[in-house]
Amino acid sequence: MSNLPQKKPSPMIHPTAQIHPTAIIEEGAVIEENVFIGPYCCIGHQVKLKANAHLISHVSLSGDITIGERSRVYPFASLGHPPQDLKYKGEASKTIIGSDTTIREYVTVQPGTVGDKMLTQVGNHCLLMVGSHVAHDCIVGNHVVMANNATLAGHVEIEDYVIIGGLSAIRQFVRVGAHAIIGGMSGVEKDVIPYGMVKGERAYLNGLNLVGLKRRGFSSDTIHQLMTVYQNLFEQHQDTPLSERIQTLKSTTSNDLTVKSLLDFIQAESKLSLCLPK
């Protein structure tokens, strides 16, 4: 068998795609209908651009990466290139960007590693603002906003509707629950409960994200129940073990799925403890 390099398949480019003549597209890339590729973009041979994806200009895509339908990527974003992990040895890992997601200038998203999921994923309807970073093996949910220069270290899990303030840094293996908000310039070293609000150089829990809950249409009854649960968990009965308080709340609160998701998150297996009030 010949040791000569094998020629890759020809690029699969839909005839409706609009591609600037200065863009470089390697053979093997899959470009679906109505994709727009602006000036000076570089597209690797394993890249898949779904229908109506839009690369403004100067975007660099590498590795096994999929950009979802109608997602927009702005200049100088670098997506799918090898992770900043010294243990990475070129494993065939993946990066997935969902649909209707906006990735602004200088954003970096890097693929998974053999030490974890071999996958980094950003969900649908997300906004990654200028200079934000999603490291290897992170899983980012839907409707997540990362403000300017917010950074996720490896193996971080961000649930749906989370907002991460500018210049914040989230350490490895942290979980951030749905609808939580992280204040700007916060250093998050521990898990953040769903619906919680954290802030600080060494971030601490500072109540519930009440403004966000109201904006997203949570009922007054649900918000009241969450406040009662929060008080029982973090403000009252501190002489009782947390596990006992959780079991008491499960037996005394209603079957509201919002409350259940909060208690289940706290009880789930994790490498880290919870972010607590000061």
C-alpha atoms as a PDB file:
ATOM      1  CA  MET A   1       0.000   0.000   0.000  1.00  0.00           C
ATOM      2  CA  SER A   2       1.367   3.389  -0.966  1.00  0.00           C
ATOM      3  CA  ASN A   3       2.635   5.668   1.799  1.00  0.00           C
ATOM      4  CA  LEU A   4       1.894   8.730  -0.301  1.00  0.00           C
ATOM      5  CA  PRO A   5      -0.695  11.154   1.117  1.00  0.00           C
ATOM      6  CA  GLN A   6      -4.213  10.324  -0.001  1.00  0.00           C
ATOM      7  CA  LYS A   7      -6.184  13.001  -1.788  1.00  0.00           C
ATOM      8  CA  LYS A   8      -9.144  14.184   0.286  1.00  0.00           C
ATOM      9  CA  PRO A   9     -12.648  14.307  -1.206  1.00  0.00           C
ATOM     10  CA  SER A  10     -13.572  17.424  -3.129  1.00  0.00           C
ATOM     11  CA  PRO A  11     -15.288  20.130  -1.102  1.00  0.00           C
ATOM     12  CA  MET A  12     -19.025  19.695  -0.889  1.00  0.00           C
ATOM     13  CA  ILE A  13     -20.230  23.223  -1.476  1.00  0.00           C
ATOM     14  CA  HIS A  14     -23.899  23.928  -2.110  1.00  0.00           C
ATOM     15  CA  PRO A  15     -24.425  26.045  -5.229  1.00  0.00           C
ATOM     16  CA  THR A  16     -26.339  28.684  -3.235  1.00  0.00           C
ATOM     17  CA  ALA A  17     -23.370  29.373  -0.928  1.00  0.00           C
ATOM     18  CA  GLN A  18     -21.763  32.817  -1.251  1.00  0.00           C
ATOM     19  CA  ILE A  19     -17.996  32.615  -0.888  1.00  0.00           C
ATOM     20  CA  HIS A  20     -15.610  35.531  -1.193  1.00  0.00           C
ATOM     21  CA  PRO A  21     -12.742  34.820  -3.602  1.00  0.00           C
ATOM     22  CA  THR A  22     -10.132  35.467  -0.879  1.00  0.00           C
ATOM     23  CA  ALA A  23     -11.548  32.737   1.410  1.00  0.00           C
ATOM     24  CA  ILE A  24      -9.548  29.496   1.640  1.00  0.00           C
ATOM     25  CA  ILE A  25     -11.602  26.304   1.836  1.00  0.00           C
ATOM     26  CA  GLU A  26      -9.783  22.983   2.127  1.00  0.00           C
ATOM     27  CA  GLU A  27     -11.032  19.964   0.238  1.00  0.00           C
ATOM     28  CA  GLY A  28     -13.417  17.927   2.358  1.00  0.00           C
ATOM     29  CA  ALA A  29     -15.264  20.848   3.970  1.00  0.00           C
ATOM     30  CA  VAL A  30     -19.070  20.640   3.824  1.00  0.00           C
ATOM     31  CA  ILE A  31     -20.822  23.910   3.001  1.00  0.00           C
ATOM     32  CA  GLU A  32     -24.625  23.754   3.015  1.00  0.00           C
ATOM     33  CA  GLU A  33     -27.180  25.984   1.307  1.00  0.00           C
ATOM     34  CA  ASN A  34     -27.134  29.769   1.629  1.00  0.00           C
ATOM     35  CA  VAL A  35     -23.950  29.817   3.711  1.00  0.00           C
ATOM     36  CA  PHE A  36     -22.047  33.116   3.526  1.00  0.00           C
ATOM     37  CA  ILE A  37     -18.241  33.057   3.820  1.00  0.00           C
ATOM     38  CA  GLY A  38     -16.679  36.507   3.853  1.00  0.00           C
ATOM     39  CA  PRO A  39     -13.184  37.734   2.972  1.00  0.00           C
ATOM     40  CA  TYR A  40     -10.054  35.947   4.224  1.00  0.00           C
ATOM     41  CA  CYS A  41     -11.815  33.149   6.087  1.00  0.00           C
ATOM     42  CA  CYS A  42      -9.868  29.878   6.468  1.00  0.00           C
ATOM     43  CA  ILE A  43     -11.955  26.698   6.512  1.00  0.00           C
ATOM     44  CA  GLY A  44     -10.348  23.350   7.368  1.00  0.00           C
ATOM     45  CA  HIS A  45     -11.094  20.061   5.645  1.00  0.00           C
ATOM     46  CA  GLN A  46     -13.309  18.664   8.453  1.00  0.00           C
ATOM     47  CA  VAL A  47     -15.456  21.753   8.892  1.00  0.00           C
ATOM     48  CA  LYS A  48     -19.229  21.552   8.443  1.00  0.00           C
ATOM     49  CA  LEU A  49     -21.202  24.755   7.933  1.00  0.00           C
ATOM     50  CA  LYS A  50     -24.942  24.245   8.256  1.00  0.00           C
ATOM     51  CA  ALA A  51     -27.559  26.106   6.205  1.00  0.00           C
ATOM     52  CA  ASN A  52     -27.520  29.917   6.417  1.00  0.00           C
ATOM     53  CA  ALA A  53     -24.426  30.068   8.623  1.00  0.00           C
ATOM     54  CA  HIS A  54     -22.667  33.409   8.170  1.00  0.00           C
ATOM     55  CA  LEU A  55     -18.928  34.049   8.578  1.00  0.00           C
ATOM     56  CA  ILE A  56     -18.393  37.815   8.417  1.00  0.00           C
ATOM     57  CA  SER A  57     -14.657  37.813   7.563  1.00  0.00           C
ATOM     58  CA  HIS A  58     -11.221  36.647   8.821  1.00  0.00           C
ATOM     59  CA  VAL A  59     -12.720  33.629  10.632  1.00  0.00           C
ATOM     60  CA  SER A  60     -10.481  30.583  11.189  1.00  0.00           C
ATOM     61  CA  LEU A  61     -12.159  27.173  11.562  1.00  0.00           C
ATOM     62  CA  SER A  62     -10.172  23.989  12.079  1.00  0.00           C
ATOM     63  CA  GLY A  63     -10.632  20.379  13.141  1.00  0.00           C
ATOM     64  CA  ASP A  64     -13.881  18.431  13.280  1.00  0.00           C
ATOM     65  CA  ILE A  65     -16.208  21.360  13.929  1.00  0.00           C
ATOM     66  CA  THR A  66     -19.843  21.992  13.049  1.00  0.00           C
ATOM     67  CA  ILE A  67     -21.352  25.477  12.914  1.00  0.00           C
ATOM     68  CA  GLY A  68     -25.135  25.333  13.263  1.00  0.00           C
ATOM     69  CA  GLU A  69     -27.863  26.837  11.100  1.00  0.00           C
ATOM     70  CA  ARG A  70     -28.103  30.632  11.013  1.00  0.00           C
ATOM     71  CA  SER A  71     -25.198  31.109  13.403  1.00  0.00           C
ATOM     72  CA  ARG A  72     -23.013  34.161  12.796  1.00  0.00           C
ATOM     73  CA  VAL A  73     -19.263  34.342  13.419  1.00  0.00           C
ATOM     74  CA  TYR A  74     -17.475  37.700  13.468  1.00  0.00           C
ATOM     75  CA  PRO A  75     -13.894  38.603  12.442  1.00  0.00           C
ATOM     76  CA  PHE A  76     -10.862  36.984  14.051  1.00  0.00           C
ATOM     77  CA  ALA A  77     -12.773  34.260  15.878  1.00  0.00           C
ATOM     78  CA  SER A  78     -10.713  31.057  16.150  1.00  0.00           C
ATOM     79  CA  LEU A  79     -12.846  27.944  16.501  1.00  0.00           C
ATOM     80  CA  GLY A  80     -11.879  24.266  16.631  1.00  0.00           C
ATOM     81  CA  HIS A  81      -8.105  24.713  16.813  1.00  0.00           C
ATOM     82  CA  PRO A  82      -6.149  22.479  19.240  1.00  0.00           C
ATOM     83  CA  PRO A  83      -6.863  23.124  22.930  1.00  0.00           C
ATOM     84  CA  GLN A  84      -4.448  24.835  25.295  1.00  0.00           C
ATOM     85  CA  ASP A  85      -3.888  21.583  27.149  1.00  0.00           C
ATOM     86  CA  LEU A  86      -0.360  20.182  27.287  1.00  0.00           C
ATOM     87  CA  LYS A  87      -1.791  16.651  27.479  1.00  0.00           C
ATOM     88  CA  TYR A  88      -3.460  16.991  24.064  1.00  0.00           C
ATOM     89  CA  LYS A  89      -1.726  14.845  21.436  1.00  0.00           C
ATOM     90  CA  GLY A  90      -3.870  15.472  18.394  1.00  0.00           C
ATOM     91  CA  GLU A  91      -6.812  13.214  19.282  1.00  0.00           C
ATOM     92  CA  ALA A  92      -9.718  13.286  16.852  1.00  0.00           C
ATOM     93  CA  SER A  93     -12.031  15.283  19.097  1.00  0.00           C
ATOM     94  CA  LYS A  94     -14.979  17.476  18.138  1.00  0.00           C
ATOM     95  CA  THR A  95     -16.390  20.986  18.487  1.00  0.00           C
ATOM     96  CA  ILE A  96     -20.083  21.711  17.972  1.00  0.00           C
ATOM     97  CA  ILE A  97     -21.667  25.160  17.774  1.00  0.00           C
ATOM     98  CA  GLY A  98     -25.470  25.167  17.798  1.00  0.00           C
ATOM     99  CA  SER A  99     -27.954  27.065  15.667  1.00  0.00           C
ATOM    100  CA  ASP A 100     -28.799  30.789  15.915  1.00  0.00           C
ATOM    101  CA  THR A 101     -25.692  31.450  17.992  1.00  0.00           C
ATOM    102  CA  THR A 102     -23.634  34.629  17.659  1.00  0.00           C
ATOM    103  CA  ILE A 103     -19.867  34.494  18.126  1.00  0.00           C
ATOM    104  CA  ARG A 104     -18.230  37.905  18.223  1.00  0.00           C
ATOM    105  CA  GLU A 105     -14.688  39.085  17.522  1.00  0.00           C
ATOM    106  CA  TYR A 106     -11.657  37.243  18.968  1.00  0.00           C
ATOM    107  CA  VAL A 107     -13.697  34.457  20.545  1.00  0.00           C
ATOM    108  CA  THR A 108     -11.925  31.095  20.960  1.00  0.00           C
ATOM    109  CA  VAL A 109     -13.680  27.730  21.297  1.00  0.00           C
ATOM    110  CA  GLN A 110     -11.465  24.634  21.480  1.00  0.00           C
ATOM    111  CA  PRO A 111     -12.221  20.899  21.054  1.00  0.00           C
ATOM    112  CA  GLY A 112     -12.386  18.161  23.667  1.00  0.00           C
ATOM    113  CA  THR A 113      -9.634  15.876  24.896  1.00  0.00           C
ATOM    114  CA  VAL A 114      -9.172  12.166  25.530  1.00  0.00           C
ATOM    115  CA  GLY A 115      -9.255  12.837  29.273  1.00  0.00           C
ATOM    116  CA  ASP A 116     -12.950  13.697  29.133  1.00  0.00           C
ATOM    117  CA  LYS A 117     -15.754  13.835  26.546  1.00  0.00           C
ATOM    118  CA  MET A 118     -13.682  14.356  23.381  1.00  0.00           C
ATOM    119  CA  LEU A 119     -16.235  17.092  22.724  1.00  0.00           C
ATOM    120  CA  THR A 120     -16.714  20.792  23.333  1.00  0.00           C
ATOM    121  CA  GLN A 121     -20.231  22.058  22.690  1.00  0.00           C
ATOM    122  CA  VAL A 122     -21.966  25.440  22.608  1.00  0.00           C
ATOM    123  CA  GLY A 123     -25.753  25.332  22.383  1.00  0.00           C
ATOM    124  CA  ASN A 124     -28.421  27.200  20.433  1.00  0.00           C
ATOM    125  CA  HIS A 125     -29.266  30.920  20.677  1.00  0.00           C
ATOM    126  CA  CYS A 126     -26.084  31.759  22.596  1.00  0.00           C
ATOM    127  CA  LEU A 127     -24.139  35.028  22.514  1.00  0.00           C
ATOM    128  CA  LEU A 128     -20.384  34.854  23.023  1.00  0.00           C
ATOM    129  CA  MET A 129     -19.154  38.441  23.201  1.00  0.00           C
ATOM    130  CA  VAL A 130     -15.753  39.832  22.243  1.00  0.00           C
ATOM    131  CA  GLY A 131     -12.765  37.869  23.518  1.00  0.00           C
ATOM    132  CA  SER A 132     -14.679  35.213  25.430  1.00  0.00           C
ATOM    133  CA  HIS A 133     -13.097  31.757  25.677  1.00  0.00           C
ATOM    134  CA  VAL A 134     -14.579  28.252  25.871  1.00  0.00           C
ATOM    135  CA  ALA A 135     -11.874  25.718  26.685  1.00  0.00           C
ATOM    136  CA  HIS A 136     -11.687  21.988  25.973  1.00  0.00           C
ATOM    137  CA  ASP A 137     -14.477  19.639  27.089  1.00  0.00           C
ATOM    138  CA  CYS A 138     -16.848  22.439  28.105  1.00  0.00           C
ATOM    139  CA  ILE A 139     -20.576  21.943  27.597  1.00  0.00           C
ATOM    140  CA  VAL A 140     -22.487  25.212  27.235  1.00  0.00           C
ATOM    141  CA  GLY A 141     -26.284  25.078  27.145  1.00  0.00           C
ATOM    142  CA  ASN A 142     -28.824  27.101  25.179  1.00  0.00           C
ATOM    143  CA  HIS A 143     -29.499  30.851  25.492  1.00  0.00           C
ATOM    144  CA  VAL A 144     -26.224  31.425  27.353  1.00  0.00           C
ATOM    145  CA  VAL A 145     -24.595  34.874  27.292  1.00  0.00           C
ATOM    146  CA  MET A 146     -20.877  35.283  27.912  1.00  0.00           C
ATOM    147  CA  ALA A 147     -19.925  38.949  28.141  1.00  0.00           C
ATOM    148  CA  ASN A 148     -16.628  40.411  26.939  1.00  0.00           C
ATOM    149  CA  ASN A 149     -13.523  38.436  27.948  1.00  0.00           C
ATOM    150  CA  ALA A 150     -15.392  35.935  30.108  1.00  0.00           C
ATOM    151  CA  THR A 151     -13.458  32.667  30.209  1.00  0.00           C
ATOM    152  CA  LEU A 152     -14.270  29.025  30.880  1.00  0.00           C
ATOM    153  CA  ALA A 153     -11.454  26.671  31.858  1.00  0.00           C
ATOM    154  CA  GLY A 154     -11.595  23.032  30.805  1.00  0.00           C
ATOM    155  CA  HIS A 155     -14.451  20.640  31.689  1.00  0.00           C
ATOM    156  CA  VAL A 156     -16.890  23.395  32.746  1.00  0.00           C
ATOM    157  CA  GLU A 157     -20.639  22.774  32.412  1.00  0.00           C
ATOM    158  CA  ILE A 158     -22.962  25.736  31.868  1.00  0.00           C
ATOM    159  CA  GLU A 159     -26.703  25.071  31.866  1.00  0.00           C
ATOM    160  CA  ASP A 160     -29.379  26.996  29.916  1.00  0.00           C
ATOM    161  CA  TYR A 161     -30.025  30.754  30.251  1.00  0.00           C
ATOM    162  CA  VAL A 162     -26.882  31.491  32.255  1.00  0.00           C
ATOM    163  CA  ILE A 163     -25.368  34.983  32.030  1.00  0.00           C
ATOM    164  CA  ILE A 164     -21.630  35.346  32.695  1.00  0.00           C
ATOM    165  CA  GLY A 165     -20.385  38.873  33.311  1.00  0.00           C
ATOM    166  CA  GLY A 166     -17.408  40.439  31.592  1.00  0.00           C
ATOM    167  CA  LEU A 167     -13.866  39.571  32.683  1.00  0.00           C
ATOM    168  CA  SER A 168     -15.099  36.660  34.778  1.00  0.00           C
ATOM    169  CA  ALA A 169     -13.109  33.429  35.037  1.00  0.00           C
ATOM    170  CA  ILE A 170     -14.600  30.015  35.804  1.00  0.00           C
ATOM    171  CA  ARG A 171     -12.158  27.331  36.943  1.00  0.00           C
ATOM    172  CA  GLN A 172     -11.977  23.707  35.749  1.00  0.00           C
ATOM    173  CA  PHE A 173     -14.895  21.338  36.463  1.00  0.00           C
ATOM    174  CA  VAL A 174     -17.255  24.023  37.780  1.00  0.00           C
ATOM    175  CA  ARG A 175     -20.979  23.492  37.129  1.00  0.00           C
ATOM    176  CA  VAL A 176     -23.238  26.521  36.711  1.00  0.00           C
ATOM    177  CA  GLY A 177     -26.958  25.833  37.033  1.00  0.00           C
ATOM    178  CA  ALA A 178     -29.699  27.104  34.745  1.00  0.00           C
ATOM    179  CA  HIS A 179     -30.782  30.763  34.957  1.00  0.00           C
ATOM    180  CA  ALA A 180     -27.846  31.702  37.195  1.00  0.00           C
ATOM    181  CA  ILE A 181     -26.009  35.007  36.766  1.00  0.00           C
ATOM    182  CA  ILE A 182     -22.328  35.645  37.454  1.00  0.00           C
ATOM    183  CA  GLY A 183     -21.277  39.221  38.127  1.00  0.00           C
ATOM    184  CA  GLY A 184     -18.507  40.873  36.163  1.00  0.00           C
ATOM    185  CA  MET A 185     -14.875  40.320  37.202  1.00  0.00           C
ATOM    186  CA  SER A 186     -15.782  37.305  39.340  1.00  0.00           C
ATOM    187  CA  GLY A 187     -13.490  34.346  39.973  1.00  0.00           C
ATOM    188  CA  VAL A 188     -15.733  31.283  40.231  1.00  0.00           C
ATOM    189  CA  GLU A 189     -14.059  28.310  41.933  1.00  0.00           C
ATOM    190  CA  LYS A 190     -17.122  26.327  43.060  1.00  0.00           C
ATOM    191  CA  ASP A 191     -20.457  25.155  41.654  1.00  0.00           C
ATOM    192  CA  VAL A 192     -23.170  27.783  41.210  1.00  0.00           C
ATOM    193  CA  ILE A 193     -26.733  26.739  42.021  1.00  0.00           C
ATOM    194  CA  PRO A 194     -29.507  27.143  39.429  1.00  0.00           C
ATOM    195  CA  TYR A 195     -31.254  30.546  39.681  1.00  0.00           C
ATOM    196  CA  GLY A 196     -28.407  31.814  41.844  1.00  0.00           C
ATOM    197  CA  MET A 197     -26.474  35.079  41.692  1.00  0.00           C
ATOM    198  CA  VAL A 198     -22.759  35.108  42.491  1.00  0.00           C
ATOM    199  CA  LYS A 199     -20.130  37.829  42.479  1.00  0.00           C
ATOM    200  CA  GLY A 200     -16.762  38.737  43.894  1.00  0.00           C
ATOM    201  CA  GLU A 201     -13.049  38.268  43.280  1.00  0.00           C
ATOM    202  CA  ARG A 202     -13.513  34.864  44.924  1.00  0.00           C
ATOM    203  CA  ALA A 203     -17.143  34.503  44.018  1.00  0.00           C
ATOM    204  CA  TYR A 204     -19.755  33.966  46.731  1.00  0.00           C
ATOM    205  CA  LEU A 205     -23.495  33.339  46.521  1.00  0.00           C
ATOM    206  CA  ASN A 206     -25.410  36.596  46.768  1.00  0.00           C
ATOM    207  CA  GLY A 207     -29.033  35.494  46.606  1.00  0.00           C
ATOM    208  CA  LEU A 208     -31.258  34.523  43.698  1.00  0.00           C
ATOM    209  CA  ASN A 209     -31.349  35.973  40.192  1.00  0.00           C
ATOM    210  CA  LEU A 210     -34.773  37.491  40.832  1.00  0.00           C
ATOM    211  CA  VAL A 211     -34.625  40.011  38.002  1.00  0.00           C
ATOM    212  CA  GLY A 212     -33.747  37.291  35.505  1.00  0.00           C
ATOM    213  CA  LEU A 213     -36.509  34.993  36.789  1.00  0.00           C
ATOM    214  CA  LYS A 214     -39.127  37.737  36.399  1.00  0.00           C
ATOM    215  CA  ARG A 215     -37.908  38.659  32.933  1.00  0.00           C
ATOM    216  CA  ARG A 216     -38.192  35.046  31.807  1.00  0.00           C
ATOM    217  CA  GLY A 217     -41.759  34.704  32.978  1.00  0.00           C
ATOM    218  CA  PHE A 218     -41.431  32.618  36.133  1.00  0.00           C
ATOM    219  CA  SER A 219     -44.636  32.863  38.158  1.00  0.00           C
ATOM    220  CA  SER A 220     -44.788  34.719  41.461  1.00  0.00           C
ATOM    221  CA  ASP A 221     -45.636  31.437  43.192  1.00  0.00           C
ATOM    222  CA  THR A 222     -42.563  29.687  41.772  1.00  0.00           C
ATOM    223  CA  ILE A 223     -40.278  32.591  42.699  1.00  0.00           C
ATOM    224  CA  HIS A 224     -41.716  32.622  46.230  1.00  0.00           C
ATOM    225  CA  GLN A 225     -41.071  28.882  46.576  1.00  0.00           C
ATOM    226  CA  LEU A 226     -37.498  29.322  45.362  1.00  0.00           C
ATOM    227  CA  MET A 227     -36.939  32.089  47.896  1.00  0.00           C
ATOM    228  CA  THR A 228     -38.280  29.870  50.695  1.00  0.00           C
ATOM    229  CA  VAL A 229     -36.020  27.003  49.601  1.00  0.00           C
ATOM    230  CA  TYR A 230     -33.015  29.345  49.382  1.00  0.00           C
ATOM    231  CA  GLN A 231     -33.632  30.660  52.902  1.00  0.00           C
ATOM    232  CA  ASN A 232     -33.901  27.129  54.292  1.00  0.00           C
ATOM    233  CA  LEU A 233     -30.750  25.993  52.523  1.00  0.00           C
ATOM    234  CA  PHE A 234     -28.450  28.951  53.064  1.00  0.00           C
ATOM    235  CA  GLU A 235     -29.845  31.279  55.712  1.00  0.00           C
ATOM    236  CA  GLN A 236     -31.690  29.184  58.300  1.00  0.00           C
ATOM    237  CA  HIS A 237     -31.209  25.874  60.147  1.00  0.00           C
ATOM    238  CA  GLN A 238     -27.456  25.966  59.656  1.00  0.00           C
ATOM    239  CA  ASP A 239     -27.022  23.589  62.587  1.00  0.00           C
ATOM    240  CA  THR A 240     -28.711  20.840  60.527  1.00  0.00           C
ATOM    241  CA  PRO A 241     -26.679  18.978  57.853  1.00  0.00           C
ATOM    242  CA  LEU A 242     -27.407  20.151  54.323  1.00  0.00           C
ATOM    243  CA  SER A 243     -28.458  16.661  53.226  1.00  0.00           C
ATOM    244  CA  GLU A 244     -31.157  16.609  55.911  1.00  0.00           C
ATOM    245  CA  ARG A 245     -32.422  20.046  54.943  1.00  0.00           C
ATOM    246  CA  ILE A 246     -32.697  18.925  51.322  1.00  0.00           C
ATOM    247  CA  GLN A 247     -34.706  15.827  52.259  1.00  0.00           C
ATOM    248  CA  THR A 248     -37.008  17.938  54.426  1.00  0.00           C
ATOM    249  CA  LEU A 249     -37.565  20.395  51.583  1.00  0.00           C
ATOM    250  CA  LYS A 250     -38.274  17.595  49.134  1.00  0.00           C
ATOM    251  CA  SER A 251     -40.976  16.239  51.421  1.00  0.00           C
ATOM    252  CA  THR A 252     -42.531  19.585  52.357  1.00  0.00           C
ATOM    253  CA  THR A 253     -42.405  21.662  49.157  1.00  0.00           C
ATOM    254  CA  SER A 254     -44.707  21.177  46.184  1.00  0.00           C
ATOM    255  CA  ASN A 255     -43.749  19.164  43.121  1.00  0.00           C
ATOM    256  CA  ASP A 256     -42.722  22.329  41.276  1.00  0.00           C
ATOM    257  CA  LEU A 257     -40.129  21.291  38.690  1.00  0.00           C
ATOM    258  CA  THR A 258     -38.160  24.491  39.239  1.00  0.00           C
ATOM    259  CA  VAL A 259     -37.624  23.738  42.925  1.00  0.00           C
ATOM    260  CA  LYS A 260     -36.877  20.102  42.112  1.00  0.00           C
ATOM    261  CA  SER A 261     -34.191  21.098  39.590  1.00  0.00           C
ATOM    262  CA  LEU A 262     -32.463  23.220  42.250  1.00  0.00           C
ATOM    263  CA  LEU A 263     -32.432  20.419  44.822  1.00  0.00           C
ATOM    264  CA  ASP A 264     -31.376  17.811  42.262  1.00  0.00           C
ATOM    265  CA  PHE A 265     -28.465  20.024  41.146  1.00  0.00           C
ATOM    266  CA  ILE A 266     -27.192  20.288  44.719  1.00  0.00           C
ATOM    267  CA  GLN A 267     -27.407  16.523  45.204  1.00  0.00           C
ATOM    268  CA  ALA A 268     -25.780  15.635  41.871  1.00  0.00           C
ATOM    269  CA  GLU A 269     -22.271  14.213  41.798  1.00  0.00           C
ATOM    270  CA  SER A 270     -19.609  16.882  41.444  1.00  0.00           C
ATOM    271  CA  LYS A 271     -15.873  17.337  41.832  1.00  0.00           C
ATOM    272  CA  LEU A 272     -16.434  20.637  43.665  1.00  0.00           C
ATOM    273  CA  SER A 273     -18.418  22.047  46.575  1.00  0.00           C
ATOM    274  CA  LEU A 274     -21.075  24.735  46.264  1.00  0.00           C
ATOM    275  CA  CYS A 275     -20.539  28.464  46.088  1.00  0.00           C
ATOM    276  CA  LEU A 276     -22.007  29.699  49.405  1.00  0.00           C
ATOM    277  CA  PRO A 277     -22.966  33.071  50.882  1.00  0.00           C
ATOM    278  CA  LYS A 278     -20.362  34.974  52.857  1.00  0.00           C
END
